[in-house]
Amino acid sequence: MSEELRMREGRSLAQALEERLADWSARTGITVEIWALPSRDASHLVVRAVLAALAEALSNVERHSLAKTVSVAVTTGDRGLRMTVSDHGIGFDGAAIGRGITAMRAQLKEVGGALTVNGVPGGGTTVTATVPRGRV
């Protein structure tokens, strides 16, 4: 696993997400709006899958969206974990395909989760990852 995807010892999931989002924003110049961070931690395997999916979603924003802003929400609760990454870029029409999307789906499937990707031409893209309560 790359160093970028490792969570530093002693850090909560919320702290790891906040740090990664700040670093990514500083590197890319794309503003990150943090809508929500998790109130509790998740298992190591779920954290790894979520951080990998987040990294790929942000990479896609940087490479394809032409967005100036991306909004991120990651929550944990009675239903499980939910991550939403929404950019305000060019969006797309049709099915979301590609190696990155396939990899995100596979990583989430390993922990019982799922991924949806919705694009609106001219209106941006939203990536949503969910992991049910029993797997978090």
N, C-alpha and C. Protein backbone atom coordinates (compact mmCIF):
# COMPACT_ATOMS: atom_id res chain seq x y z
N MET A 1 0.86 -1.17 0.00
CA MET A 1 0.00 0.00 0.00
C MET A 1 0.90 1.23 0.00
N SER A 2 0.50 2.23 -0.75
CA SER A 2 1.33 3.42 -0.83
C SER A 2 1.27 4.20 0.47
N GLU A 3 2.29 4.98 0.71
CA GLU A 3 2.36 5.80 1.92
C GLU A 3 1.16 6.74 2.00
N GLU A 4 0.69 7.21 0.86
CA GLU A 4 -0.43 8.15 0.83
C GLU A 4 -1.69 7.54 1.45
N LEU A 5 -1.86 6.22 1.33
CA LEU A 5 -3.08 5.58 1.81
C LEU A 5 -2.97 5.11 3.25
N ARG A 6 -1.83 5.18 3.85
CA ARG A 6 -1.68 4.73 5.23
C ARG A 6 -2.18 5.80 6.19
N MET A 7 -2.81 5.35 7.25
CA MET A 7 -3.27 6.26 8.28
C MET A 7 -2.19 6.32 9.35
N ARG A 8 -1.78 7.51 9.71
CA ARG A 8 -0.75 7.66 10.74
C ARG A 8 -1.23 7.11 12.06
N GLU A 9 -0.30 6.52 12.80
CA GLU A 9 -0.60 5.95 14.10
C GLU A 9 -1.21 7.00 15.02
N GLY A 10 -2.28 6.62 15.70
CA GLY A 10 -2.90 7.53 16.66
C GLY A 10 -3.88 8.52 16.07
N ARG A 11 -4.04 8.53 14.76
CA ARG A 11 -4.96 9.46 14.11
C ARG A 11 -6.33 8.82 13.97
N SER A 12 -7.36 9.62 14.18
CA SER A 12 -8.71 9.13 13.92
C SER A 12 -8.96 9.19 12.42
N LEU A 13 -10.01 8.52 11.99
CA LEU A 13 -10.39 8.58 10.58
C LEU A 13 -10.68 10.02 10.18
N ALA A 14 -11.38 10.77 11.02
CA ALA A 14 -11.70 12.17 10.72
C ALA A 14 -10.42 13.00 10.55
N GLN A 15 -9.44 12.79 11.43
CA GLN A 15 -8.18 13.53 11.33
C GLN A 15 -7.43 13.16 10.06
N ALA A 16 -7.40 11.87 9.73
CA ALA A 16 -6.72 11.42 8.52
C ALA A 16 -7.37 12.03 7.28
N LEU A 17 -8.69 12.05 7.25
CA LEU A 17 -9.41 12.62 6.10
C LEU A 17 -9.13 14.12 5.99
N GLU A 18 -9.22 14.82 7.10
CA GLU A 18 -8.99 16.26 7.09
C GLU A 18 -7.59 16.60 6.59
N GLU A 19 -6.60 15.84 7.06
CA GLU A 19 -5.22 16.06 6.65
C GLU A 19 -5.03 15.80 5.15
N ARG A 20 -5.57 14.68 4.68
CA ARG A 20 -5.44 14.33 3.26
C ARG A 20 -6.12 15.36 2.36
N LEU A 21 -7.29 15.80 2.77
CA LEU A 21 -8.02 16.78 1.96
C LEU A 21 -7.28 18.11 1.91
N ALA A 22 -6.72 18.53 3.02
CA ALA A 22 -5.95 19.78 3.05
C ALA A 22 -4.71 19.67 2.17
N ASP A 23 -4.00 18.55 2.26
CA ASP A 23 -2.81 18.34 1.43
C ASP A 23 -3.16 18.33 -0.05
N TRP A 24 -4.24 17.61 -0.40
CA TRP A 24 -4.65 17.52 -1.80
C TRP A 24 -5.04 18.89 -2.33
N SER A 25 -5.80 19.65 -1.56
CA SER A 25 -6.22 20.98 -1.97
C SER A 25 -5.01 21.90 -2.19
N ALA A 26 -4.06 21.85 -1.27
CA ALA A 26 -2.85 22.68 -1.39
C ALA A 26 -2.06 22.30 -2.64
N ARG A 27 -2.00 21.01 -2.93
CA ARG A 27 -1.23 20.55 -4.09
C ARG A 27 -1.92 20.89 -5.41
N THR A 28 -3.23 20.77 -5.47
CA THR A 28 -3.95 20.94 -6.73
C THR A 28 -4.49 22.34 -6.96
N GLY A 29 -4.68 23.10 -5.89
CA GLY A 29 -5.31 24.41 -6.02
C GLY A 29 -6.83 24.34 -6.12
N ILE A 30 -7.39 23.16 -5.95
CA ILE A 30 -8.85 22.98 -5.98
C ILE A 30 -9.35 23.10 -4.54
N THR A 31 -10.34 23.96 -4.34
CA THR A 31 -10.91 24.17 -3.01
C THR A 31 -11.70 22.96 -2.56
N VAL A 32 -11.51 22.55 -1.32
CA VAL A 32 -12.27 21.45 -0.74
C VAL A 32 -13.21 22.01 0.32
N GLU A 33 -14.49 21.72 0.14
CA GLU A 33 -15.49 22.04 1.16
C GLU A 33 -15.75 20.75 1.93
N ILE A 34 -15.47 20.75 3.22
CA ILE A 34 -15.74 19.56 4.03
C ILE A 34 -17.12 19.75 4.65
N TRP A 35 -18.06 18.92 4.21
CA TRP A 35 -19.43 19.01 4.71
C TRP A 35 -19.59 18.24 6.00
N ALA A 36 -18.91 17.11 6.13
CA ALA A 36 -19.01 16.30 7.34
C ALA A 36 -17.82 15.36 7.43
N LEU A 37 -17.42 15.09 8.67
CA LEU A 37 -16.38 14.10 8.94
C LEU A 37 -16.96 13.09 9.93
N PRO A 38 -16.46 11.85 9.90
CA PRO A 38 -17.05 10.80 10.74
C PRO A 38 -16.88 11.08 12.23
N SER A 39 -17.92 10.76 12.98
CA SER A 39 -17.88 10.96 14.43
C SER A 39 -17.24 9.78 15.15
N ARG A 40 -17.11 8.65 14.44
CA ARG A 40 -16.44 7.49 15.03
C ARG A 40 -15.60 6.80 13.97
N ASP A 41 -14.68 6.00 14.46
CA ASP A 41 -13.77 5.31 13.54
C ASP A 41 -14.41 4.06 12.96
N ALA A 42 -13.72 3.48 12.00
CA ALA A 42 -14.16 2.25 11.35
C ALA A 42 -13.02 1.24 11.43
N SER A 43 -13.31 0.02 11.01
CA SER A 43 -12.28 -1.01 11.03
C SER A 43 -11.15 -0.65 10.07
N HIS A 44 -10.00 -1.24 10.30
CA HIS A 44 -8.82 -0.97 9.46
C HIS A 44 -9.12 -1.25 7.98
N LEU A 45 -9.79 -2.36 7.69
CA LEU A 45 -10.07 -2.71 6.30
C LEU A 45 -11.01 -1.70 5.64
N VAL A 46 -12.00 -1.23 6.40
CA VAL A 46 -12.92 -0.23 5.85
C VAL A 46 -12.19 1.09 5.64
N VAL A 47 -11.39 1.49 6.59
CA VAL A 47 -10.61 2.73 6.46
C VAL A 47 -9.74 2.67 5.21
N ARG A 48 -9.07 1.55 5.02
CA ARG A 48 -8.20 1.40 3.84
C ARG A 48 -9.00 1.53 2.55
N ALA A 49 -10.16 0.86 2.48
CA ALA A 49 -10.99 0.93 1.28
C ALA A 49 -11.51 2.34 1.04
N VAL A 50 -11.93 3.01 2.10
CA VAL A 50 -12.48 4.37 1.96
C VAL A 50 -11.39 5.36 1.55
N LEU A 51 -10.22 5.25 2.16
CA LEU A 51 -9.13 6.16 1.79
C LEU A 51 -8.68 5.93 0.35
N ALA A 52 -8.66 4.68 -0.09
CA ALA A 52 -8.30 4.39 -1.48
C ALA A 52 -9.35 4.94 -2.43
N ALA A 53 -10.63 4.76 -2.10
CA ALA A 53 -11.70 5.29 -2.95
C ALA A 53 -11.66 6.82 -2.99
N LEU A 54 -11.40 7.44 -1.85
CA LEU A 54 -11.29 8.90 -1.81
C LEU A 54 -10.13 9.37 -2.68
N ALA A 55 -8.98 8.71 -2.57
CA ALA A 55 -7.82 9.10 -3.37
C ALA A 55 -8.13 9.01 -4.86
N GLU A 56 -8.80 7.95 -5.28
CA GLU A 56 -9.14 7.80 -6.70
C GLU A 56 -10.18 8.82 -7.13
N ALA A 57 -11.18 9.06 -6.30
CA ALA A 57 -12.21 10.06 -6.63
C ALA A 57 -11.57 11.44 -6.80
N LEU A 58 -10.67 11.80 -5.89
CA LEU A 58 -10.00 13.10 -5.98
C LEU A 58 -9.08 13.16 -7.20
N SER A 59 -8.43 12.05 -7.52
CA SER A 59 -7.59 11.99 -8.71
C SER A 59 -8.43 12.24 -9.96
N ASN A 60 -9.62 11.66 -10.00
CA ASN A 60 -10.51 11.87 -11.14
C ASN A 60 -10.97 13.32 -11.22
N VAL A 61 -11.25 13.94 -10.08
CA VAL A 61 -11.61 15.36 -10.06
C VAL A 61 -10.48 16.17 -10.67
N GLU A 62 -9.28 15.91 -10.22
CA GLU A 62 -8.10 16.66 -10.69
C GLU A 62 -7.86 16.46 -12.19
N ARG A 63 -7.99 15.23 -12.66
CA ARG A 63 -7.65 14.92 -14.05
C ARG A 63 -8.75 15.26 -15.06
N HIS A 64 -10.01 15.12 -14.65
CA HIS A 64 -11.08 15.17 -15.64
C HIS A 64 -12.11 16.28 -15.48
N SER A 65 -12.32 16.80 -14.28
CA SER A 65 -13.52 17.60 -14.04
C SER A 65 -13.41 19.08 -14.40
N LEU A 66 -12.21 19.63 -14.38
CA LEU A 66 -12.01 21.07 -14.53
C LEU A 66 -12.69 21.86 -13.42
N ALA A 67 -12.95 21.20 -12.29
CA ALA A 67 -13.64 21.83 -11.17
C ALA A 67 -12.69 22.74 -10.40
N LYS A 68 -13.26 23.76 -9.83
CA LYS A 68 -12.53 24.66 -8.93
C LYS A 68 -12.82 24.31 -7.47
N THR A 69 -13.91 23.55 -7.26
CA THR A 69 -14.34 23.19 -5.91
C THR A 69 -14.82 21.74 -5.89
N VAL A 70 -14.54 21.05 -4.79
CA VAL A 70 -15.05 19.71 -4.57
C VAL A 70 -15.58 19.67 -3.13
N SER A 71 -16.70 19.02 -2.94
CA SER A 71 -17.31 18.89 -1.62
C SER A 71 -17.21 17.44 -1.16
N VAL A 72 -16.83 17.25 0.10
CA VAL A 72 -16.63 15.91 0.64
C VAL A 72 -17.38 15.78 1.96
N ALA A 73 -18.08 14.65 2.09
CA ALA A 73 -18.74 14.31 3.35
C ALA A 73 -18.47 12.83 3.63
N VAL A 74 -18.02 12.53 4.83
CA VAL A 74 -17.84 11.14 5.27
C VAL A 74 -18.50 11.05 6.64
N THR A 75 -19.47 10.15 6.74
CA THR A 75 -20.19 10.00 8.00
C THR A 75 -20.22 8.53 8.41
N THR A 76 -20.27 8.30 9.71
CA THR A 76 -20.50 6.98 10.26
C THR A 76 -21.68 7.09 11.20
N GLY A 77 -22.53 6.10 11.16
CA GLY A 77 -23.70 6.13 12.01
C GLY A 77 -24.35 4.77 12.11
N ASP A 78 -25.59 4.76 12.52
CA ASP A 78 -26.32 3.50 12.72
C ASP A 78 -26.44 2.68 11.45
N ARG A 79 -26.44 3.32 10.30
CA ARG A 79 -26.57 2.60 9.03
C ARG A 79 -25.23 2.18 8.44
N GLY A 80 -24.14 2.69 8.98
CA GLY A 80 -22.82 2.34 8.48
C GLY A 80 -22.03 3.57 8.10
N LEU A 81 -21.20 3.45 7.10
CA LEU A 81 -20.36 4.55 6.64
C LEU A 81 -20.82 5.00 5.26
N ARG A 82 -20.78 6.31 5.04
CA ARG A 82 -21.14 6.89 3.74
C ARG A 82 -20.12 7.97 3.40
N MET A 83 -19.58 7.90 2.20
CA MET A 83 -18.66 8.92 1.70
C MET A 83 -19.25 9.50 0.41
N THR A 84 -19.31 10.82 0.35
CA THR A 84 -19.77 11.48 -0.86
C THR A 84 -18.73 12.50 -1.29
N VAL A 85 -18.34 12.43 -2.56
CA VAL A 85 -17.40 13.38 -3.16
C VAL A 85 -18.11 13.99 -4.37
N SER A 86 -18.41 15.28 -4.29
CA SER A 86 -19.13 15.96 -5.38
C SER A 86 -18.28 17.09 -5.92
N ASP A 87 -18.03 17.05 -7.22
CA ASP A 87 -17.30 18.17 -7.81
C ASP A 87 -18.29 19.06 -8.56
N HIS A 88 -17.84 20.25 -8.83
CA HIS A 88 -18.66 21.24 -9.51
C HIS A 88 -18.05 21.50 -10.89
N GLY A 89 -17.71 20.40 -11.55
CA GLY A 89 -17.00 20.48 -12.82
C GLY A 89 -17.89 20.21 -14.02
N ILE A 90 -17.27 19.64 -15.08
CA ILE A 90 -17.97 19.48 -16.36
C ILE A 90 -18.91 18.29 -16.40
N GLY A 91 -18.77 17.35 -15.45
CA GLY A 91 -19.65 16.18 -15.43
C GLY A 91 -19.43 15.29 -16.63
N PHE A 92 -20.38 14.38 -16.87
CA PHE A 92 -20.30 13.48 -18.01
C PHE A 92 -21.67 12.91 -18.27
N ASP A 93 -21.81 12.29 -19.41
CA ASP A 93 -23.07 11.65 -19.81
C ASP A 93 -22.79 10.16 -20.01
N GLY A 94 -23.70 9.32 -19.59
CA GLY A 94 -23.53 7.88 -19.79
C GLY A 94 -23.02 7.19 -18.54
N ALA A 95 -22.57 5.97 -18.73
CA ALA A 95 -22.10 5.15 -17.62
C ALA A 95 -20.69 5.55 -17.20
N ALA A 96 -20.43 5.43 -15.91
CA ALA A 96 -19.10 5.69 -15.37
C ALA A 96 -18.28 4.42 -15.52
N ILE A 97 -17.24 4.50 -16.36
CA ILE A 97 -16.39 3.34 -16.60
C ILE A 97 -14.93 3.75 -16.50
N GLY A 98 -14.08 2.77 -16.43
CA GLY A 98 -12.65 3.02 -16.38
C GLY A 98 -11.99 2.23 -15.28
N ARG A 99 -10.67 2.14 -15.35
CA ARG A 99 -9.92 1.37 -14.37
C ARG A 99 -10.09 1.89 -12.95
N GLY A 100 -10.10 3.21 -12.81
CA GLY A 100 -10.23 3.80 -11.47
C GLY A 100 -11.56 3.48 -10.84
N ILE A 101 -12.63 3.60 -11.61
CA ILE A 101 -13.98 3.28 -11.10
C ILE A 101 -14.05 1.80 -10.74
N THR A 102 -13.52 0.95 -11.61
CA THR A 102 -13.52 -0.49 -11.36
C THR A 102 -12.74 -0.80 -10.08
N ALA A 103 -11.60 -0.15 -9.89
CA ALA A 103 -10.79 -0.38 -8.69
C ALA A 103 -11.53 0.07 -7.43
N MET A 104 -12.18 1.23 -7.48
CA MET A 104 -12.94 1.70 -6.32
C MET A 104 -14.05 0.71 -5.96
N ARG A 105 -14.77 0.24 -6.97
CA ARG A 105 -15.86 -0.72 -6.72
C ARG A 105 -15.31 -2.01 -6.09
N ALA A 106 -14.19 -2.48 -6.60
CA ALA A 106 -13.59 -3.72 -6.08
C ALA A 106 -13.14 -3.54 -4.63
N GLN A 107 -12.50 -2.40 -4.32
CA GLN A 107 -12.04 -2.16 -2.95
C GLN A 107 -13.21 -2.11 -1.98
N LEU A 108 -14.28 -1.47 -2.38
CA LEU A 108 -15.44 -1.37 -1.51
C LEU A 108 -16.18 -2.69 -1.39
N LYS A 109 -16.22 -3.45 -2.47
CA LYS A 109 -16.88 -4.76 -2.44
C LYS A 109 -16.19 -5.67 -1.44
N GLU A 110 -14.86 -5.56 -1.32
CA GLU A 110 -14.10 -6.39 -0.38
C GLU A 110 -14.55 -6.21 1.06
N VAL A 111 -15.11 -5.04 1.38
CA VAL A 111 -15.58 -4.77 2.74
C VAL A 111 -17.11 -4.73 2.81
N GLY A 112 -17.76 -5.28 1.78
CA GLY A 112 -19.22 -5.34 1.77
C GLY A 112 -19.88 -4.07 1.34
N GLY A 113 -19.12 -3.16 0.77
CA GLY A 113 -19.64 -1.85 0.38
C GLY A 113 -20.00 -1.77 -1.09
N ALA A 114 -20.45 -0.58 -1.48
CA ALA A 114 -20.86 -0.34 -2.86
C ALA A 114 -20.47 1.08 -3.25
N LEU A 115 -20.43 1.31 -4.55
CA LEU A 115 -20.06 2.61 -5.09
C LEU A 115 -21.02 3.00 -6.20
N THR A 116 -21.45 4.25 -6.19
CA THR A 116 -22.22 4.80 -7.31
C THR A 116 -21.52 6.05 -7.80
N VAL A 117 -21.60 6.28 -9.09
CA VAL A 117 -21.02 7.45 -9.71
C VAL A 117 -22.07 8.04 -10.63
N ASN A 118 -22.41 9.31 -10.39
CA ASN A 118 -23.41 9.99 -11.21
C ASN A 118 -22.84 11.28 -11.75
N GLY A 119 -22.96 11.46 -13.05
CA GLY A 119 -22.50 12.69 -13.68
C GLY A 119 -23.65 13.40 -14.36
N VAL A 120 -23.56 14.71 -14.38
CA VAL A 120 -24.53 15.55 -15.08
C VAL A 120 -23.72 16.44 -16.02
N PRO A 121 -23.91 16.31 -17.34
CA PRO A 121 -23.15 17.14 -18.26
C PRO A 121 -23.27 18.62 -17.89
N GLY A 122 -22.14 19.25 -17.64
CA GLY A 122 -22.11 20.65 -17.25
C GLY A 122 -22.45 20.89 -15.79
N GLY A 123 -22.76 19.84 -15.05
CA GLY A 123 -23.20 20.00 -13.67
C GLY A 123 -22.40 19.25 -12.64
N GLY A 124 -21.32 18.61 -13.05
CA GLY A 124 -20.46 17.95 -12.08
C GLY A 124 -20.71 16.46 -11.93
N THR A 125 -19.97 15.88 -11.01
CA THR A 125 -20.01 14.44 -10.77
C THR A 125 -20.07 14.19 -9.27
N THR A 126 -20.84 13.17 -8.88
CA THR A 126 -20.92 12.77 -7.48
C THR A 126 -20.57 11.30 -7.37
N VAL A 127 -19.61 11.00 -6.50
CA VAL A 127 -19.20 9.64 -6.18
C VAL A 127 -19.68 9.36 -4.77
N THR A 128 -20.42 8.26 -4.61
CA THR A 128 -20.93 7.89 -3.29
C THR A 128 -20.50 6.46 -2.97
N ALA A 129 -19.86 6.30 -1.82
CA ALA A 129 -19.45 4.98 -1.33
C ALA A 129 -20.21 4.71 -0.04
N THR A 130 -20.71 3.49 0.09
CA THR A 130 -21.39 3.10 1.32
C THR A 130 -20.86 1.76 1.79
N VAL A 131 -20.78 1.63 3.10
CA VAL A 131 -20.41 0.37 3.74
C VAL A 131 -21.45 0.14 4.83
N PRO A 132 -22.17 -0.98 4.79
CA PRO A 132 -23.23 -1.21 5.78
C PRO A 132 -22.70 -1.34 7.21
N ARG A 133 -23.58 -1.07 8.15
CA ARG A 133 -23.23 -1.04 9.57
C ARG A 133 -22.46 -2.26 10.05
N GLY A 134 -22.88 -3.43 9.69
CA GLY A 134 -22.24 -4.64 10.17
C GLY A 134 -20.80 -4.81 9.69
N ARG A 135 -20.38 -4.04 8.72
CA ARG A 135 -19.03 -4.18 8.15
C ARG A 135 -18.09 -3.07 8.61
N VAL A 136 -18.63 -2.01 9.17
CA VAL A 136 -17.83 -0.85 9.56
C VAL A 136 -17.05 -1.17 10.81
